[in-house]
């Protein structure tokens, strides 16, 4: 049975780090130049400051996906709470059906309950999820570019 929930960073961080290696291999542009090196101390600081929410997807008790949302007051709108995804991933064998749609819908409910007014989602250009995001009511707002220096 697939379930969606908010989980405490301390309780799920090691499972996410294990899954993040597969995630990184799938999405990272600069794998040969920049190794995966997750700063758990920085994530812990953001967690302690209430700036991160971890939403997970589980099949029974097995972690099969996650979304990490960064929550902050925007410097241009100091009274408006924003949330943007830091990362999201679902194991390939769980991407069929509605798992992806449902985790984003659940995340939106969680962010709304947190008082977030603007939720931002991003994805890698070579793994564009724009069709899904638009189906969920999101609009294209910005385009980012990357260059290895």
N, C-alpha and C. Protein backbone atom coordinates (compact mmCIF):
# COMPACT_ATOMS: atom_id res chain seq x y z
N UNK A 1 0.83 -1.18 0.00
CA UNK A 1 0.00 0.00 0.00
C UNK A 1 0.88 1.25 0.00
N UNK A 2 0.63 2.17 -0.91
CA UNK A 2 1.39 3.42 -1.03
C UNK A 2 0.83 4.43 -0.04
N UNK A 3 1.73 5.09 0.73
CA UNK A 3 1.33 6.15 1.65
C UNK A 3 2.22 7.36 1.45
N UNK A 4 1.68 8.52 1.79
CA UNK A 4 2.38 9.81 1.69
C UNK A 4 2.34 10.43 3.08
N UNK A 5 3.47 10.95 3.54
CA UNK A 5 3.52 11.52 4.87
C UNK A 5 4.66 12.50 5.01
N UNK A 6 4.55 13.36 6.02
CA UNK A 6 5.66 14.21 6.43
C UNK A 6 6.47 13.38 7.42
N UNK A 7 7.78 13.37 7.23
CA UNK A 7 8.63 12.64 8.17
C UNK A 7 9.69 13.58 8.73
N UNK A 8 10.14 13.26 9.91
CA UNK A 8 11.17 14.06 10.57
C UNK A 8 12.52 13.81 9.90
N UNK A 9 13.23 14.89 9.64
CA UNK A 9 14.52 14.82 8.97
C UNK A 9 15.45 13.81 9.65
N UNK A 10 15.55 13.88 10.98
CA UNK A 10 16.47 13.01 11.71
C UNK A 10 16.15 11.53 11.48
N UNK A 11 14.87 11.21 11.31
CA UNK A 11 14.47 9.82 11.20
C UNK A 11 14.64 9.25 9.80
N UNK A 12 14.67 10.11 8.79
CA UNK A 12 14.67 9.61 7.41
C UNK A 12 15.93 10.00 6.63
N UNK A 13 16.79 10.82 7.21
CA UNK A 13 17.92 11.37 6.44
C UNK A 13 18.84 10.29 5.86
N UNK A 14 19.11 9.23 6.59
CA UNK A 14 20.03 8.21 6.08
C UNK A 14 19.39 7.40 4.95
N UNK A 15 18.10 7.18 5.02
CA UNK A 15 17.42 6.49 3.91
C UNK A 15 17.42 7.37 2.66
N UNK A 16 17.21 8.66 2.85
CA UNK A 16 17.21 9.58 1.71
C UNK A 16 18.60 9.67 1.09
N UNK A 17 19.64 9.72 1.92
CA UNK A 17 21.01 9.78 1.40
C UNK A 17 21.30 8.55 0.55
N UNK A 18 20.87 7.38 0.99
CA UNK A 18 21.06 6.16 0.19
C UNK A 18 20.36 6.27 -1.16
N UNK A 19 19.12 6.72 -1.15
CA UNK A 19 18.35 6.85 -2.39
C UNK A 19 18.88 8.00 -3.24
N UNK A 20 19.44 9.02 -2.62
CA UNK A 20 19.94 10.19 -3.35
C UNK A 20 21.08 9.82 -4.30
N UNK A 21 21.81 8.77 -4.01
CA UNK A 21 22.88 8.34 -4.93
C UNK A 21 22.30 7.92 -6.27
N UNK A 22 21.23 7.15 -6.23
CA UNK A 22 20.56 6.74 -7.48
C UNK A 22 19.96 7.97 -8.17
N UNK A 23 19.34 8.83 -7.38
CA UNK A 23 18.76 10.08 -7.88
C UNK A 23 19.83 10.91 -8.59
N UNK A 24 20.97 11.10 -7.95
CA UNK A 24 22.07 11.89 -8.49
C UNK A 24 22.56 11.31 -9.82
N UNK A 25 22.71 9.99 -9.87
CA UNK A 25 23.17 9.35 -11.12
C UNK A 25 22.19 9.60 -12.27
N UNK A 26 20.93 9.72 -11.96
CA UNK A 26 19.92 9.93 -12.99
C UNK A 26 19.85 11.38 -13.46
N UNK A 27 20.07 12.35 -12.57
CA UNK A 27 19.77 13.73 -12.94
C UNK A 27 20.97 14.66 -13.08
N UNK A 28 22.08 14.37 -12.44
CA UNK A 28 23.18 15.34 -12.37
C UNK A 28 23.90 15.51 -13.70
N UNK A 29 24.02 16.76 -14.14
CA UNK A 29 24.71 17.08 -15.39
C UNK A 29 26.23 16.88 -15.29
N UNK A 30 26.81 17.24 -14.15
CA UNK A 30 28.27 17.35 -14.03
C UNK A 30 28.86 16.25 -13.15
N UNK A 31 28.42 15.02 -13.35
CA UNK A 31 28.86 13.92 -12.49
C UNK A 31 30.37 13.71 -12.50
N UNK A 32 31.00 13.90 -13.65
CA UNK A 32 32.43 13.67 -13.74
C UNK A 32 33.25 14.74 -13.03
N UNK A 33 32.69 15.93 -12.88
CA UNK A 33 33.42 17.04 -12.30
C UNK A 33 33.05 17.33 -10.84
N UNK A 34 31.80 17.05 -10.46
CA UNK A 34 31.33 17.41 -9.13
C UNK A 34 30.68 16.19 -8.48
N UNK A 35 31.35 15.61 -7.48
CA UNK A 35 30.79 14.41 -6.85
C UNK A 35 29.62 14.75 -5.92
N UNK A 36 28.79 13.78 -5.69
CA UNK A 36 27.73 13.93 -4.70
C UNK A 36 28.38 14.01 -3.33
N UNK A 37 28.03 15.02 -2.55
CA UNK A 37 28.63 15.24 -1.24
C UNK A 37 27.61 16.00 -0.39
N UNK A 38 26.60 15.30 0.08
CA UNK A 38 25.48 15.92 0.79
C UNK A 38 25.94 16.47 2.14
N UNK A 39 25.62 17.71 2.39
CA UNK A 39 25.99 18.39 3.63
C UNK A 39 24.87 18.20 4.65
N UNK A 40 24.92 17.09 5.37
CA UNK A 40 23.88 16.79 6.35
C UNK A 40 23.85 17.81 7.48
N UNK A 41 25.00 18.41 7.80
CA UNK A 41 25.01 19.44 8.85
C UNK A 41 24.19 20.66 8.42
N UNK A 42 24.32 21.06 7.16
CA UNK A 42 23.54 22.20 6.67
C UNK A 42 22.05 21.87 6.65
N UNK A 43 21.72 20.67 6.20
CA UNK A 43 20.32 20.26 6.23
C UNK A 43 19.78 20.24 7.66
N UNK A 44 20.62 19.80 8.60
CA UNK A 44 20.20 19.77 10.00
C UNK A 44 19.93 21.19 10.50
N UNK A 45 20.78 22.14 10.14
CA UNK A 45 20.56 23.54 10.53
C UNK A 45 19.25 24.07 9.95
N UNK A 46 18.98 23.76 8.67
CA UNK A 46 17.72 24.20 8.06
C UNK A 46 16.54 23.54 8.75
N UNK A 47 16.69 22.27 9.09
CA UNK A 47 15.63 21.57 9.80
C UNK A 47 15.38 22.22 11.16
N UNK A 48 16.45 22.49 11.90
CA UNK A 48 16.32 23.09 13.23
C UNK A 48 15.67 24.47 13.16
N UNK A 49 15.86 25.17 12.04
CA UNK A 49 15.28 26.50 11.85
C UNK A 49 13.86 26.42 11.28
N UNK A 50 13.35 25.22 11.06
CA UNK A 50 12.01 25.06 10.51
C UNK A 50 11.92 25.40 9.04
N UNK A 51 13.03 25.31 8.33
CA UNK A 51 13.09 25.73 6.93
C UNK A 51 13.00 24.58 5.94
N UNK A 52 12.80 23.37 6.40
CA UNK A 52 12.73 22.24 5.48
C UNK A 52 11.63 21.28 5.94
N UNK A 53 10.93 20.75 4.97
CA UNK A 53 9.93 19.70 5.22
C UNK A 53 10.26 18.55 4.30
N UNK A 54 10.24 17.35 4.86
CA UNK A 54 10.49 16.14 4.09
C UNK A 54 9.17 15.39 3.95
N UNK A 55 8.76 15.20 2.71
CA UNK A 55 7.56 14.43 2.40
C UNK A 55 8.04 13.14 1.76
N UNK A 56 7.52 12.02 2.23
CA UNK A 56 7.97 10.74 1.70
C UNK A 56 6.81 9.95 1.10
N UNK A 57 7.18 9.03 0.23
CA UNK A 57 6.27 8.03 -0.32
C UNK A 57 6.83 6.69 0.13
N UNK A 58 5.96 5.88 0.71
CA UNK A 58 6.37 4.55 1.15
C UNK A 58 5.44 3.50 0.56
N UNK A 59 6.03 2.38 0.25
CA UNK A 59 5.28 1.18 -0.12
C UNK A 59 5.47 0.23 1.05
N UNK A 60 4.40 0.03 1.83
CA UNK A 60 4.52 -0.62 3.14
C UNK A 60 5.48 0.27 3.95
N UNK A 61 6.60 -0.25 4.40
CA UNK A 61 7.54 0.59 5.16
C UNK A 61 8.73 1.03 4.31
N UNK A 62 8.81 0.54 3.07
CA UNK A 62 9.96 0.85 2.20
C UNK A 62 9.84 2.26 1.62
N UNK A 63 10.90 3.05 1.79
CA UNK A 63 10.96 4.37 1.17
C UNK A 63 11.08 4.20 -0.34
N UNK A 64 10.15 4.79 -1.10
CA UNK A 64 10.21 4.69 -2.56
C UNK A 64 10.27 6.06 -3.22
N UNK A 65 10.21 7.13 -2.42
CA UNK A 65 10.31 8.46 -2.99
C UNK A 65 10.29 9.53 -1.92
N UNK A 66 10.68 10.74 -2.33
CA UNK A 66 10.70 11.86 -1.39
C UNK A 66 10.62 13.18 -2.12
N UNK A 67 10.21 14.18 -1.38
CA UNK A 67 10.33 15.58 -1.79
C UNK A 67 10.86 16.33 -0.58
N UNK A 68 11.89 17.13 -0.77
CA UNK A 68 12.38 18.03 0.27
C UNK A 68 12.02 19.45 -0.16
N UNK A 69 11.24 20.12 0.68
CA UNK A 69 10.80 21.49 0.39
C UNK A 69 11.52 22.46 1.32
N UNK A 70 12.09 23.51 0.74
CA UNK A 70 12.73 24.57 1.50
C UNK A 70 11.70 25.69 1.69
N UNK A 71 11.49 26.10 2.92
CA UNK A 71 10.46 27.08 3.25
C UNK A 71 11.15 28.32 3.81
N UNK A 72 10.78 29.48 3.26
CA UNK A 72 11.45 30.71 3.70
C UNK A 72 10.61 31.94 3.36
N UNK A 73 10.89 33.02 4.07
CA UNK A 73 10.33 34.32 3.70
C UNK A 73 11.20 34.87 2.58
N UNK A 74 10.56 35.35 1.54
CA UNK A 74 11.28 35.85 0.37
C UNK A 74 11.81 37.26 0.66
N UNK A 75 13.06 37.55 0.28
CA UNK A 75 13.61 38.89 0.56
C UNK A 75 12.90 40.01 -0.19
N UNK A 76 12.18 39.70 -1.27
CA UNK A 76 11.43 40.73 -1.98
C UNK A 76 10.03 40.90 -1.41
N UNK A 77 9.60 39.92 -0.65
CA UNK A 77 8.23 39.91 -0.09
C UNK A 77 8.33 39.40 1.34
N UNK A 78 8.80 40.24 2.25
CA UNK A 78 9.19 39.80 3.58
C UNK A 78 8.06 39.22 4.42
N UNK A 79 6.83 39.38 4.03
CA UNK A 79 5.71 38.82 4.77
C UNK A 79 5.03 37.67 4.02
N UNK A 80 5.69 37.16 2.98
CA UNK A 80 5.11 36.09 2.18
C UNK A 80 5.99 34.85 2.27
N UNK A 81 5.39 33.77 2.74
CA UNK A 81 6.12 32.52 2.89
C UNK A 81 6.15 31.78 1.54
N UNK A 82 7.36 31.42 1.12
CA UNK A 82 7.59 30.68 -0.11
C UNK A 82 8.09 29.28 0.24
N UNK A 83 7.86 28.36 -0.66
CA UNK A 83 8.45 27.03 -0.54
C UNK A 83 8.91 26.61 -1.93
N UNK A 84 10.09 26.05 -1.99
CA UNK A 84 10.59 25.54 -3.27
C UNK A 84 11.19 24.18 -3.05
N UNK A 85 11.03 23.33 -4.07
CA UNK A 85 11.60 22.00 -3.90
C UNK A 85 13.12 22.06 -3.98
N UNK A 86 13.74 21.37 -3.07
CA UNK A 86 15.19 21.19 -3.10
C UNK A 86 15.50 19.97 -3.96
N UNK A 87 14.69 18.93 -3.77
CA UNK A 87 14.87 17.71 -4.55
C UNK A 87 13.60 16.88 -4.46
N UNK A 88 13.36 16.13 -5.52
CA UNK A 88 12.29 15.14 -5.48
C UNK A 88 12.71 13.94 -6.30
N UNK A 89 12.28 12.78 -5.85
CA UNK A 89 12.67 11.56 -6.53
C UNK A 89 11.70 10.45 -6.18
N UNK A 90 11.38 9.65 -7.17
CA UNK A 90 10.58 8.43 -6.98
C UNK A 90 11.32 7.31 -7.70
N UNK A 91 11.49 6.19 -7.04
CA UNK A 91 12.14 5.05 -7.69
C UNK A 91 11.43 4.74 -9.01
N UNK A 92 12.19 4.41 -10.06
CA UNK A 92 11.60 4.19 -11.38
C UNK A 92 10.42 3.21 -11.39
N UNK A 93 10.51 2.15 -10.61
CA UNK A 93 9.43 1.15 -10.63
C UNK A 93 8.13 1.64 -10.00
N UNK A 94 8.16 2.83 -9.36
CA UNK A 94 6.95 3.39 -8.75
C UNK A 94 6.46 4.63 -9.49
N UNK A 95 6.99 4.88 -10.68
CA UNK A 95 6.60 6.06 -11.44
C UNK A 95 5.35 5.86 -12.29
N UNK A 96 4.94 4.65 -12.46
CA UNK A 96 3.72 4.41 -13.23
C UNK A 96 2.52 4.72 -12.33
N UNK A 97 1.40 5.03 -12.94
CA UNK A 97 0.22 5.33 -12.15
C UNK A 97 0.25 6.75 -11.63
N UNK A 98 -0.28 6.96 -10.44
CA UNK A 98 -0.49 8.31 -9.92
C UNK A 98 0.46 8.67 -8.78
N UNK A 99 1.47 7.88 -8.52
CA UNK A 99 2.35 8.14 -7.38
C UNK A 99 2.96 9.54 -7.44
N UNK A 100 3.48 9.93 -8.60
CA UNK A 100 4.09 11.26 -8.74
C UNK A 100 3.08 12.38 -8.53
N UNK A 101 1.94 12.25 -9.16
CA UNK A 101 0.88 13.27 -9.00
C UNK A 101 0.47 13.38 -7.54
N UNK A 102 0.26 12.25 -6.91
CA UNK A 102 -0.24 12.25 -5.53
C UNK A 102 0.75 12.83 -4.54
N UNK A 103 2.06 12.57 -4.73
CA UNK A 103 3.02 13.15 -3.78
C UNK A 103 3.05 14.67 -3.91
N UNK A 104 2.92 15.18 -5.13
CA UNK A 104 2.90 16.64 -5.30
C UNK A 104 1.62 17.23 -4.74
N UNK A 105 0.49 16.55 -4.92
CA UNK A 105 -0.76 17.04 -4.35
C UNK A 105 -0.69 17.04 -2.82
N UNK A 106 -0.14 15.99 -2.25
CA UNK A 106 0.02 15.92 -0.80
C UNK A 106 0.96 17.03 -0.32
N UNK A 107 2.06 17.24 -1.04
CA UNK A 107 3.01 18.29 -0.68
C UNK A 107 2.34 19.65 -0.69
N UNK A 108 1.51 19.90 -1.69
CA UNK A 108 0.78 21.17 -1.77
C UNK A 108 -0.12 21.35 -0.54
N UNK A 109 -0.79 20.30 -0.11
CA UNK A 109 -1.64 20.38 1.10
C UNK A 109 -0.80 20.72 2.33
N UNK A 110 0.37 20.07 2.45
CA UNK A 110 1.25 20.31 3.58
C UNK A 110 1.75 21.75 3.56
N UNK A 111 2.15 22.24 2.40
CA UNK A 111 2.66 23.61 2.29
C UNK A 111 1.55 24.62 2.63
N UNK A 112 0.37 24.38 2.15
CA UNK A 112 -0.76 25.27 2.46
C UNK A 112 -0.99 25.30 3.98
N UNK A 113 -0.94 24.15 4.62
CA UNK A 113 -1.12 24.08 6.08
C UNK A 113 -0.01 24.80 6.83
N UNK A 114 1.17 24.88 6.23
CA UNK A 114 2.31 25.59 6.83
C UNK A 114 2.20 27.10 6.65
N UNK A 115 1.24 27.54 5.87
CA UNK A 115 1.07 28.97 5.62
C UNK A 115 1.81 29.48 4.39
N UNK A 116 2.32 28.56 3.58
CA UNK A 116 3.03 28.94 2.36
C UNK A 116 2.03 29.56 1.38
N UNK A 117 2.44 30.68 0.75
CA UNK A 117 1.60 31.35 -0.25
C UNK A 117 2.05 31.06 -1.67
N UNK A 118 3.35 30.86 -1.88
CA UNK A 118 3.88 30.56 -3.21
C UNK A 118 4.71 29.29 -3.12
N UNK A 119 4.34 28.30 -3.92
CA UNK A 119 5.10 27.04 -3.98
C UNK A 119 5.76 26.97 -5.35
N UNK A 120 7.07 26.81 -5.35
CA UNK A 120 7.85 26.74 -6.58
C UNK A 120 8.38 25.32 -6.78
N UNK A 121 8.26 24.83 -8.00
CA UNK A 121 8.80 23.53 -8.35
C UNK A 121 9.78 23.69 -9.51
N UNK A 122 10.87 22.97 -9.45
CA UNK A 122 11.83 22.99 -10.55
C UNK A 122 12.23 21.56 -10.87
N UNK A 123 12.77 21.38 -12.07
CA UNK A 123 13.23 20.06 -12.50
C UNK A 123 14.37 20.28 -13.50
N UNK A 124 15.09 19.24 -13.76
CA UNK A 124 16.16 19.30 -14.75
C UNK A 124 15.54 19.40 -16.14
N UNK A 125 16.16 20.19 -17.01
CA UNK A 125 15.61 20.39 -18.36
C UNK A 125 15.56 19.09 -19.14
N UNK A 126 16.54 18.22 -18.94
CA UNK A 126 16.55 16.95 -19.69
C UNK A 126 15.58 15.92 -19.10
N UNK A 127 14.97 16.24 -17.97
CA UNK A 127 13.94 15.39 -17.35
C UNK A 127 12.74 16.26 -17.01
N UNK A 128 12.26 16.97 -18.00
CA UNK A 128 11.21 17.97 -17.82
C UNK A 128 9.93 17.36 -17.26
N UNK A 129 9.47 17.91 -16.17
CA UNK A 129 8.21 17.49 -15.54
C UNK A 129 7.13 18.56 -15.71
N UNK A 130 7.34 19.49 -16.63
CA UNK A 130 6.41 20.59 -16.84
C UNK A 130 4.99 20.16 -17.12
N UNK A 131 4.82 19.08 -17.85
CA UNK A 131 3.47 18.60 -18.14
C UNK A 131 2.73 18.23 -16.85
N UNK A 132 3.42 17.54 -15.97
CA UNK A 132 2.83 17.17 -14.67
C UNK A 132 2.56 18.41 -13.84
N UNK A 133 3.54 19.32 -13.77
CA UNK A 133 3.38 20.53 -12.97
C UNK A 133 2.19 21.35 -13.47
N UNK A 134 2.07 21.51 -14.78
CA UNK A 134 0.94 22.26 -15.34
C UNK A 134 -0.38 21.58 -15.02
N UNK A 135 -0.41 20.26 -15.09
CA UNK A 135 -1.62 19.52 -14.75
C UNK A 135 -2.04 19.76 -13.31
N UNK A 136 -1.08 20.04 -12.45
CA UNK A 136 -1.35 20.32 -11.04
C UNK A 136 -1.68 21.79 -10.79
N UNK A 137 -1.70 22.61 -11.85
CA UNK A 137 -2.07 24.02 -11.72
C UNK A 137 -0.91 24.98 -11.58
N UNK A 138 0.30 24.51 -11.74
CA UNK A 138 1.47 25.39 -11.69
C UNK A 138 1.67 26.03 -13.06
N UNK A 139 2.27 27.21 -13.05
CA UNK A 139 2.56 27.90 -14.31
C UNK A 139 4.07 28.07 -14.45
N UNK A 140 4.60 28.06 -15.67
CA UNK A 140 6.03 28.34 -15.84
C UNK A 140 6.31 29.77 -15.40
N UNK A 141 7.27 29.93 -14.49
CA UNK A 141 7.55 31.25 -13.94
C UNK A 141 8.95 31.76 -14.28
N UNK A 142 9.92 30.89 -14.33
CA UNK A 142 11.30 31.29 -14.61
C UNK A 142 12.00 30.17 -15.36
N UNK A 143 13.06 30.50 -16.03
CA UNK A 143 13.93 29.53 -16.67
C UNK A 143 15.33 29.76 -16.11
N UNK A 144 15.99 28.70 -15.67
CA UNK A 144 17.35 28.80 -15.14
C UNK A 144 18.32 28.17 -16.12
N UNK A 145 19.52 28.70 -16.14
CA UNK A 145 20.59 28.15 -16.98
C UNK A 145 21.77 27.82 -16.11
N UNK A 146 22.57 26.87 -16.54
CA UNK A 146 23.70 26.38 -15.76
C UNK A 146 24.95 26.36 -16.63
N UNK A 147 26.09 26.64 -16.02
CA UNK A 147 27.36 26.56 -16.74
C UNK A 147 28.43 26.10 -15.76
N UNK A 148 29.15 25.07 -16.11
CA UNK A 148 30.25 24.59 -15.28
C UNK A 148 31.44 25.52 -15.50
N UNK A 149 31.98 26.06 -14.44
CA UNK A 149 33.13 26.97 -14.53
C UNK A 149 34.42 26.28 -14.13
